[in-house]
């Protein structure tokens, strides 16, 4: 099944991915759902949660839902971040 993502949602997911990466780099552990929302300007934790689930399905993050702060960026996610950094600069 091919999953089509709207440009706006794709941009927001990239923003979430970059926020997670920056937070982990700065603090050494992953942000909570609420912290991600604050970082990217989303008030609704359910919207953040939806993005995280979709990002997990796409394969750019992994997480253990039974534990807090267990978000990890996958190899695919790191490749996207690196590509963004090359294109964005």
PDB file of N, CA and C in Angstrom:
ATOM      1  N   UNK A   1       0.842  -1.188   0.000  1.00  0.00           N
ATOM      2  CA  UNK A   1       0.000   0.000   0.000  1.00  0.00           C
ATOM      3  C   UNK A   1       0.880   1.241   0.000  1.00  0.00           C
ATOM      4  N   UNK A   2       0.651   2.133  -0.921  1.00  0.00           N
ATOM      5  CA  UNK A   2       1.408   3.372  -0.996  1.00  0.00           C
ATOM      6  C   UNK A   2       0.666   4.426  -0.190  1.00  0.00           C
ATOM      7  N   UNK A   3       1.388   5.045   0.723  1.00  0.00           N
ATOM      8  CA  UNK A   3       0.770   6.045   1.579  1.00  0.00           C
ATOM      9  C   UNK A   3       1.090   7.434   1.028  1.00  0.00           C
ATOM     10  N   UNK A   4       0.074   8.172   0.673  1.00  0.00           N
ATOM     11  CA  UNK A   4       0.267   9.517   0.168  1.00  0.00           C
ATOM     12  C   UNK A   4       0.173  10.495   1.337  1.00  0.00           C
ATOM     13  N   UNK A   5       1.154  11.360   1.418  1.00  0.00           N
ATOM     14  CA  UNK A   5       1.187  12.351   2.482  1.00  0.00           C
ATOM     15  C   UNK A   5       1.069  13.727   1.854  1.00  0.00           C
ATOM     16  N   UNK A   6       0.151  14.524   2.358  1.00  0.00           N
ATOM     17  CA  UNK A   6      -0.015  15.882   1.859  1.00  0.00           C
ATOM     18  C   UNK A   6       1.260  16.674   2.152  1.00  0.00           C
ATOM     19  N   UNK A   7       1.550  17.665   1.301  1.00  0.00           N
ATOM     20  CA  UNK A   7       2.750  18.482   1.476  1.00  0.00           C
ATOM     21  C   UNK A   7       2.812  19.092   2.871  1.00  0.00           C
ATOM     22  N   UNK A   8       1.699  19.601   3.341  1.00  0.00           N
ATOM     23  CA  UNK A   8       1.656  20.244   4.657  1.00  0.00           C
ATOM     24  C   UNK A   8       2.010  19.251   5.753  1.00  0.00           C
ATOM     25  N   UNK A   9       1.453  18.038   5.673  1.00  0.00           N
ATOM     26  CA  UNK A   9       1.752  17.001   6.662  1.00  0.00           C
ATOM     27  C   UNK A   9       3.204  16.548   6.552  1.00  0.00           C
ATOM     28  N   UNK A  10       3.696  16.440   5.324  1.00  0.00           N
ATOM     29  CA  UNK A  10       5.090  16.040   5.129  1.00  0.00           C
ATOM     30  C   UNK A  10       6.020  17.082   5.738  1.00  0.00           C
ATOM     31  N   UNK A  11       5.739  18.346   5.513  1.00  0.00           N
ATOM     32  CA  UNK A  11       6.546  19.427   6.078  1.00  0.00           C
ATOM     33  C   UNK A  11       6.501  19.403   7.598  1.00  0.00           C
ATOM     34  N   UNK A  12       5.327  19.143   8.159  1.00  0.00           N
ATOM     35  CA  UNK A  12       5.185  19.098   9.614  1.00  0.00           C
ATOM     36  C   UNK A  12       5.954  17.913  10.187  1.00  0.00           C
ATOM     37  N   UNK A  13       5.917  16.780   9.489  1.00  0.00           N
ATOM     38  CA  UNK A  13       6.656  15.603   9.956  1.00  0.00           C
ATOM     39  C   UNK A  13       8.163  15.869   9.939  1.00  0.00           C
ATOM     40  N   UNK A  14       8.635  16.552   8.925  1.00  0.00           N
ATOM     41  CA  UNK A  14      10.045  16.927   8.880  1.00  0.00           C
ATOM     42  C   UNK A  14      10.374  17.847  10.050  1.00  0.00           C
ATOM     43  N   UNK A  15       9.494  18.775  10.325  1.00  0.00           N
ATOM     44  CA  UNK A  15       9.680  19.686  11.450  1.00  0.00           C
ATOM     45  C   UNK A  15       9.737  18.914  12.769  1.00  0.00           C
ATOM     46  N   UNK A  16       8.854  17.937  12.931  1.00  0.00           N
ATOM     47  CA  UNK A  16       8.841  17.103  14.134  1.00  0.00           C
ATOM     48  C   UNK A  16      10.136  16.301  14.219  1.00  0.00           C
ATOM     49  N   UNK A  17      10.555  15.708  13.111  1.00  0.00           N
ATOM     50  CA  UNK A  17      11.779  14.912  13.082  1.00  0.00           C
ATOM     51  C   UNK A  17      12.988  15.762  13.465  1.00  0.00           C
ATOM     52  N   UNK A  18      13.082  16.952  12.904  1.00  0.00           N
ATOM     53  CA  UNK A  18      14.197  17.844  13.221  1.00  0.00           C
ATOM     54  C   UNK A  18      14.154  18.291  14.685  1.00  0.00           C
ATOM     55  N   UNK A  19      12.953  18.516  15.211  1.00  0.00           N
ATOM     56  CA  UNK A  19      12.814  18.908  16.614  1.00  0.00           C
ATOM     57  C   UNK A  19      13.272  17.778  17.539  1.00  0.00           C
ATOM     58  N   UNK A  20      12.888  16.554  17.220  1.00  0.00           N
ATOM     59  CA  UNK A  20      13.294  15.396  18.018  1.00  0.00           C
ATOM     60  C   UNK A  20      14.814  15.266  17.982  1.00  0.00           C
ATOM     61  N   UNK A  21      15.386  15.369  16.791  1.00  0.00           N
ATOM     62  CA  UNK A  21      16.834  15.221  16.633  1.00  0.00           C
ATOM     63  C   UNK A  21      17.586  16.290  17.422  1.00  0.00           C
ATOM     64  N   UNK A  22      17.135  17.523  17.328  1.00  0.00           N
ATOM     65  CA  UNK A  22      17.773  18.618  18.058  1.00  0.00           C
ATOM     66  C   UNK A  22      17.661  18.453  19.569  1.00  0.00           C
ATOM     67  N   UNK A  23      16.510  18.027  20.012  1.00  0.00           N
ATOM     68  CA  UNK A  23      16.282  17.822  21.446  1.00  0.00           C
ATOM     69  C   UNK A  23      17.195  16.723  21.979  1.00  0.00           C
ATOM     70  N   UNK A  24      17.271  15.606  21.253  1.00  0.00           N
ATOM     71  CA  UNK A  24      18.122  14.491  21.681  1.00  0.00           C
ATOM     72  C   UNK A  24      19.590  14.925  21.672  1.00  0.00           C
ATOM     73  N   UNK A  25      20.001  15.632  20.650  1.00  0.00           N
ATOM     74  CA  UNK A  25      21.390  16.096  20.569  1.00  0.00           C
ATOM     75  C   UNK A  25      21.728  17.015  21.737  1.00  0.00           C
ATOM     76  N   UNK A  26      20.790  17.884  22.104  1.00  0.00           N
ATOM     77  CA  UNK A  26      21.033  18.864  23.170  1.00  0.00           C
ATOM     78  C   UNK A  26      20.981  18.242  24.567  1.00  0.00           C
ATOM     79  N   UNK A  27      20.009  17.331  24.788  1.00  0.00           N
ATOM     80  CA  UNK A  27      19.780  16.828  26.145  1.00  0.00           C
ATOM     81  C   UNK A  27      20.216  15.383  26.384  1.00  0.00           C
ATOM     82  N   UNK A  28      20.367  14.626  25.304  1.00  0.00           N
ATOM     83  CA  UNK A  28      20.792  13.236  25.454  1.00  0.00           C
ATOM     84  C   UNK A  28      19.650  12.250  25.628  1.00  0.00           C
ATOM     85  N   UNK A  29      18.418  12.730  25.601  1.00  0.00           N
ATOM     86  CA  UNK A  29      17.247  11.859  25.681  1.00  0.00           C
ATOM     87  C   UNK A  29      16.127  12.488  24.869  1.00  0.00           C
ATOM     88  N   UNK A  30      15.135  11.683  24.538  1.00  0.00           N
ATOM     89  CA  UNK A  30      14.078  12.162  23.639  1.00  0.00           C
ATOM     90  C   UNK A  30      13.025  13.004  24.364  1.00  0.00           C
ATOM     91  N   UNK A  31      12.348  13.862  23.617  1.00  0.00           N
ATOM     92  CA  UNK A  31      11.297  14.697  24.202  1.00  0.00           C
ATOM     93  C   UNK A  31       9.995  13.920  24.408  1.00  0.00           C
ATOM     94  N   UNK A  32       9.156  14.459  25.276  1.00  0.00           N
ATOM     95  CA  UNK A  32       7.815  13.911  25.459  1.00  0.00           C
ATOM     96  C   UNK A  32       6.925  14.423  24.330  1.00  0.00           C
ATOM     97  N   UNK A  33       5.740  13.872  24.231  1.00  0.00           N
ATOM     98  CA  UNK A  33       4.778  14.320  23.219  1.00  0.00           C
ATOM     99  C   UNK A  33       4.454  15.795  23.425  1.00  0.00           C
ATOM    100  N   UNK A  34       4.249  16.204  24.657  1.00  0.00           N
ATOM    101  CA  UNK A  34       3.951  17.616  24.945  1.00  0.00           C
ATOM    102  C   UNK A  34       5.116  18.526  24.559  1.00  0.00           C
ATOM    103  N   UNK A  35       6.328  18.087  24.854  1.00  0.00           N
ATOM    104  CA  UNK A  35       7.500  18.888  24.500  1.00  0.00           C
ATOM    105  C   UNK A  35       7.635  19.021  22.990  1.00  0.00           C
ATOM    106  N   UNK A  36       7.360  17.950  22.262  1.00  0.00           N
ATOM    107  CA  UNK A  36       7.400  18.021  20.797  1.00  0.00           C
ATOM    108  C   UNK A  36       6.378  19.041  20.308  1.00  0.00           C
ATOM    109  N   UNK A  37       5.175  18.984  20.875  1.00  0.00           N
ATOM    110  CA  UNK A  37       4.141  19.942  20.501  1.00  0.00           C
ATOM    111  C   UNK A  37       4.595  21.375  20.700  1.00  0.00           C
ATOM    112  N   UNK A  38       5.221  21.652  21.827  1.00  0.00           N
ATOM    113  CA  UNK A  38       5.717  23.008  22.095  1.00  0.00           C
ATOM    114  C   UNK A  38       6.804  23.403  21.100  1.00  0.00           C
ATOM    115  N   UNK A  39       7.677  22.465  20.777  1.00  0.00           N
ATOM    116  CA  UNK A  39       8.778  22.756  19.861  1.00  0.00           C
ATOM    117  C   UNK A  39       8.303  23.107  18.453  1.00  0.00           C
ATOM    118  N   UNK A  40       7.221  22.479  18.011  1.00  0.00           N
ATOM    119  CA  UNK A  40       6.754  22.693  16.634  1.00  0.00           C
ATOM    120  C   UNK A  40       5.469  23.509  16.555  1.00  0.00           C
ATOM    121  N   UNK A  41       4.975  23.980  17.686  1.00  0.00           N
ATOM    122  CA  UNK A  41       3.800  24.845  17.675  1.00  0.00           C
ATOM    123  C   UNK A  41       2.470  24.129  17.535  1.00  0.00           C
ATOM    124  N   UNK A  42       2.390  22.899  18.044  1.00  0.00           N
ATOM    125  CA  UNK A  42       1.128  22.156  18.033  1.00  0.00           C
ATOM    126  C   UNK A  42       0.604  22.052  19.468  1.00  0.00           C
ATOM    127  N   UNK A  43      -0.608  22.507  19.692  1.00  0.00           N
ATOM    128  CA  UNK A  43      -1.192  22.433  21.026  1.00  0.00           C
ATOM    129  C   UNK A  43      -1.801  21.068  21.320  1.00  0.00           C
ATOM    130  N   UNK A  44      -2.267  20.411  20.296  1.00  0.00           N
ATOM    131  CA  UNK A  44      -2.973  19.144  20.472  1.00  0.00           C
ATOM    132  C   UNK A  44      -1.981  17.977  20.557  1.00  0.00           C
ATOM    133  N   UNK A  45      -1.981  17.286  21.698  1.00  0.00           N
ATOM    134  CA  UNK A  45      -1.108  16.118  21.832  1.00  0.00           C
ATOM    135  C   UNK A  45      -1.572  14.988  20.912  1.00  0.00           C
ATOM    136  N   UNK A  46      -2.862  14.951  20.601  1.00  0.00           N
ATOM    137  CA  UNK A  46      -3.340  13.908  19.692  1.00  0.00           C
ATOM    138  C   UNK A  46      -2.816  14.132  18.273  1.00  0.00           C
ATOM    139  N   UNK A  47      -2.647  15.382  17.877  1.00  0.00           N
ATOM    140  CA  UNK A  47      -2.071  15.672  16.564  1.00  0.00           C
ATOM    141  C   UNK A  47      -0.602  15.265  16.534  1.00  0.00           C
ATOM    142  N   UNK A  48       0.120  15.583  17.594  1.00  0.00           N
ATOM    143  CA  UNK A  48       1.527  15.160  17.688  1.00  0.00           C
ATOM    144  C   UNK A  48       1.591  13.639  17.652  1.00  0.00           C
ATOM    145  N   UNK A  49       0.725  13.004  18.408  1.00  0.00           N
ATOM    146  CA  UNK A  49       0.697  11.539  18.453  1.00  0.00           C
ATOM    147  C   UNK A  49       0.430  10.943  17.069  1.00  0.00           C
ATOM    148  N   UNK A  50      -0.480  11.553  16.326  1.00  0.00           N
ATOM    149  CA  UNK A  50      -0.787  11.085  14.963  1.00  0.00           C
ATOM    150  C   UNK A  50       0.450  11.175  14.079  1.00  0.00           C
ATOM    151  N   UNK A  51       1.153  12.292  14.161  1.00  0.00           N
ATOM    152  CA  UNK A  51       2.374  12.436  13.372  1.00  0.00           C
ATOM    153  C   UNK A  51       3.403  11.378  13.766  1.00  0.00           C
ATOM    154  N   UNK A  52       3.547  11.117  15.053  1.00  0.00           N
ATOM    155  CA  UNK A  52       4.512  10.127  15.514  1.00  0.00           C
ATOM    156  C   UNK A  52       4.152   8.725  15.013  1.00  0.00           C
ATOM    157  N   UNK A  53       2.881   8.377  15.074  1.00  0.00           N
ATOM    158  CA  UNK A  53       2.448   7.067  14.584  1.00  0.00           C
ATOM    159  C   UNK A  53       2.737   6.946  13.090  1.00  0.00           C
ATOM    160  N   UNK A  54       2.406   7.970  12.325  1.00  0.00           N
ATOM    161  CA  UNK A  54       2.658   7.942  10.883  1.00  0.00           C
ATOM    162  C   UNK A  54       4.159   7.889  10.589  1.00  0.00           C
ATOM    163  N   UNK A  55       4.960   8.596  11.368  1.00  0.00           N
ATOM    164  CA  UNK A  55       6.409   8.576  11.182  1.00  0.00           C
ATOM    165  C   UNK A  55       6.981   7.205  11.531  1.00  0.00           C
ATOM    166  N   UNK A  56       6.383   6.551  12.493  1.00  0.00           N
ATOM    167  CA  UNK A  56       6.794   5.202  12.859  1.00  0.00           C
ATOM    168  C   UNK A  56       6.459   4.230  11.717  1.00  0.00           C
ATOM    169  N   UNK A  57       5.289   4.387  11.133  1.00  0.00           N
ATOM    170  CA  UNK A  57       4.873   3.540  10.010  1.00  0.00           C
ATOM    171  C   UNK A  57       5.803   3.750   8.811  1.00  0.00           C
ATOM    172  N   UNK A  58       6.160   4.989   8.540  1.00  0.00           N
ATOM    173  CA  UNK A  58       7.058   5.315   7.438  1.00  0.00           C
ATOM    174  C   UNK A  58       8.464   4.763   7.713  1.00  0.00           C
ATOM    175  N   UNK A  59       8.802   4.656   8.982  1.00  0.00           N
ATOM    176  CA  UNK A  59      10.094   4.082   9.343  1.00  0.00           C
ATOM    177  C   UNK A  59      11.184   5.078   9.666  1.00  0.00           C
ATOM    178  N   UNK A  60      10.809   6.310  10.038  1.00  0.00           N
ATOM    179  CA  UNK A  60      11.831   7.302  10.371  1.00  0.00           C
ATOM    180  C   UNK A  60      12.097   7.407  11.864  1.00  0.00           C
ATOM    181  N   UNK A  61      11.176   6.878  12.671  1.00  0.00           N
ATOM    182  CA  UNK A  61      11.403   6.817  14.115  1.00  0.00           C
ATOM    183  C   UNK A  61      11.003   5.439  14.636  1.00  0.00           C
ATOM    184  N   UNK A  62      11.520   5.119  15.805  1.00  0.00           N
ATOM    185  CA  UNK A  62      11.107   3.924  16.547  1.00  0.00           C
ATOM    186  C   UNK A  62      10.801   4.374  17.961  1.00  0.00           C
ATOM    187  N   UNK A  63       9.920   3.674  18.621  1.00  0.00           N
ATOM    188  CA  UNK A  63       9.643   3.987  20.026  1.00  0.00           C
ATOM    189  C   UNK A  63       9.054   2.787  20.738  1.00  0.00           C
ATOM    190  N   UNK A  64       9.239   2.789  22.058  1.00  0.00           N
ATOM    191  CA  UNK A  64       8.625   1.788  22.913  1.00  0.00           C
ATOM    192  C   UNK A  64       7.534   2.519  23.686  1.00  0.00           C
ATOM    193  N   UNK A  65       6.316   2.216  23.368  1.00  0.00           N
ATOM    194  CA  UNK A  65       5.195   2.982  23.935  1.00  0.00           C
ATOM    195  C   UNK A  65       4.994   2.771  25.426  1.00  0.00           C
ATOM    196  N   UNK A  66       5.500   1.687  25.968  1.00  0.00           N
ATOM    197  CA  UNK A  66       5.288   1.430  27.392  1.00  0.00           C
ATOM    198  C   UNK A  66       6.243   2.226  28.272  1.00  0.00           C
ATOM    199  N   UNK A  67       7.216   2.910  27.656  1.00  0.00           N
ATOM    200  CA  UNK A  67       8.185   3.691  28.423  1.00  0.00           C
ATOM    201  C   UNK A  67       8.228   5.122  27.906  1.00  0.00           C
ATOM    202  N   UNK A  68       8.390   6.088  28.804  1.00  0.00           N
ATOM    203  CA  UNK A  68       8.493   7.478  28.355  1.00  0.00           C
ATOM    204  C   UNK A  68       9.874   7.756  27.755  1.00  0.00           C
ATOM    205  N   UNK A  69       9.935   8.734  26.904  1.00  0.00           N
ATOM    206  CA  UNK A  69      11.189   9.227  26.323  1.00  0.00           C
ATOM    207  C   UNK A  69      12.001   8.134  25.623  1.00  0.00           C
ATOM    208  N   UNK A  70      11.330   7.335  24.806  1.00  0.00           N
ATOM    209  CA  UNK A  70      12.023   6.254  24.105  1.00  0.00           C
ATOM    210  C   UNK A  70      12.018   6.440  22.592  1.00  0.00           C
ATOM    211  N   UNK A  71      11.806   7.652  22.132  1.00  0.00           N
ATOM    212  CA  UNK A  71      11.860   7.912  20.697  1.00  0.00           C
ATOM    213  C   UNK A  71      13.296   7.768  20.208  1.00  0.00           C
ATOM    214  N   UNK A  72      13.462   7.122  19.098  1.00  0.00           N
ATOM    215  CA  UNK A  72      14.777   7.004  18.472  1.00  0.00           C
ATOM    216  C   UNK A  72      14.622   7.251  16.980  1.00  0.00           C
ATOM    217  N   UNK A  73      15.572   7.941  16.408  1.00  0.00           N
ATOM    218  CA  UNK A  73      15.549   8.198  14.977  1.00  0.00           C
ATOM    219  C   UNK A  73      16.255   7.038  14.286  1.00  0.00           C
ATOM    220  N   UNK A  74      15.599   6.484  13.292  1.00  0.00           N
ATOM    221  CA  UNK A  74      16.147   5.340  12.559  1.00  0.00           C
ATOM    222  C   UNK A  74      17.185   5.804  11.538  1.00  0.00           C
ATOM    223  N   UNK A  75      17.821   4.838  10.895  1.00  0.00           N
ATOM    224  CA  UNK A  75      18.780   5.147   9.826  1.00  0.00           C
ATOM    225  C   UNK A  75      18.097   5.949   8.722  1.00  0.00           C
ATOM    226  N   UNK A  76      16.887   5.538   8.367  1.00  0.00           N
ATOM    227  CA  UNK A  76      16.125   6.252   7.338  1.00  0.00           C
ATOM    228  C   UNK A  76      15.862   7.693   7.772  1.00  0.00           C
ATOM    229  N   UNK A  77      15.514   7.877   9.035  1.00  0.00           N
ATOM    230  CA  UNK A  77      15.277   9.220   9.557  1.00  0.00           C
ATOM    231  C   UNK A  77      16.527  10.076   9.519  1.00  0.00           C
ATOM    232  N   UNK A  78      17.663   9.497   9.866  1.00  0.00           N
ATOM    233  CA  UNK A  78      18.941  10.218   9.821  1.00  0.00           C
ATOM    234  C   UNK A  78      19.303  10.611   8.386  1.00  0.00           C
ATOM    235  N   UNK A  79      19.008   9.723   7.444  1.00  0.00           N
ATOM    236  CA  UNK A  79      19.269  10.036   6.032  1.00  0.00           C
ATOM    237  C   UNK A  79      18.427  11.223   5.575  1.00  0.00           C
ATOM    238  N   UNK A  80      17.194  11.296   6.030  1.00  0.00           N
ATOM    239  CA  UNK A  80      16.318  12.418   5.686  1.00  0.00           C
ATOM    240  C   UNK A  80      16.856  13.704   6.288  1.00  0.00           C
ATOM    241  N   UNK A  81      17.297  13.646   7.541  1.00  0.00           N
ATOM    242  CA  UNK A  81      17.867  14.827   8.205  1.00  0.00           C
ATOM    243  C   UNK A  81      19.117  15.296   7.461  1.00  0.00           C
ATOM    244  N   UNK A  82      19.993  14.365   7.106  1.00  0.00           N
ATOM    245  CA  UNK A  82      21.221  14.718   6.385  1.00  0.00           C
ATOM    246  C   UNK A  82      20.895  15.336   5.027  1.00  0.00           C
ATOM    247  N   UNK A  83      19.930  14.776   4.327  1.00  0.00           N
ATOM    248  CA  UNK A  83      19.534  15.325   3.023  1.00  0.00           C
ATOM    249  C   UNK A  83      18.971  16.732   3.195  1.00  0.00           C
ATOM    250  N   UNK A  84      18.172  16.937   4.236  1.00  0.00           N
ATOM    251  CA  UNK A  84      17.604  18.252   4.494  1.00  0.00           C
ATOM    252  C   UNK A  84      18.721  19.255   4.777  1.00  0.00           C
ATOM    253  N   UNK A  85      19.718  18.847   5.560  1.00  0.00           N
ATOM    254  CA  UNK A  85      20.816  19.744   5.893  1.00  0.00           C
ATOM    255  C   UNK A  85      21.615  20.123   4.654  1.00  0.00           C
ATOM    256  N   UNK A  86      21.803  19.188   3.729  1.00  0.00           N
ATOM    257  CA  UNK A  86      22.548  19.470   2.498  1.00  0.00           C
ATOM    258  C   UNK A  86      21.730  20.419   1.608  1.00  0.00           C
ATOM    259  N   UNK A  87      20.455  20.126   1.451  1.00  0.00           N
ATOM    260  CA  UNK A  87      19.600  20.951   0.584  1.00  0.00           C
ATOM    261  C   UNK A  87      19.332  22.314   1.226  1.00  0.00           C
ATOM    262  N   UNK A  88      19.122  22.307   2.540  1.00  0.00           N
ATOM    263  CA  UNK A  88      18.766  23.535   3.248  1.00  0.00           C
ATOM    264  C   UNK A  88      19.898  24.539   3.372  1.00  0.00           C
ATOM    265  N   UNK A  89      21.138  24.107   3.153  1.00  0.00           N
ATOM    266  CA  UNK A  89      22.257  25.035   3.315  1.00  0.00           C
ATOM    267  C   UNK A  89      22.765  25.565   2.012  1.00  0.00           C
TER     268      UNK A  89
END
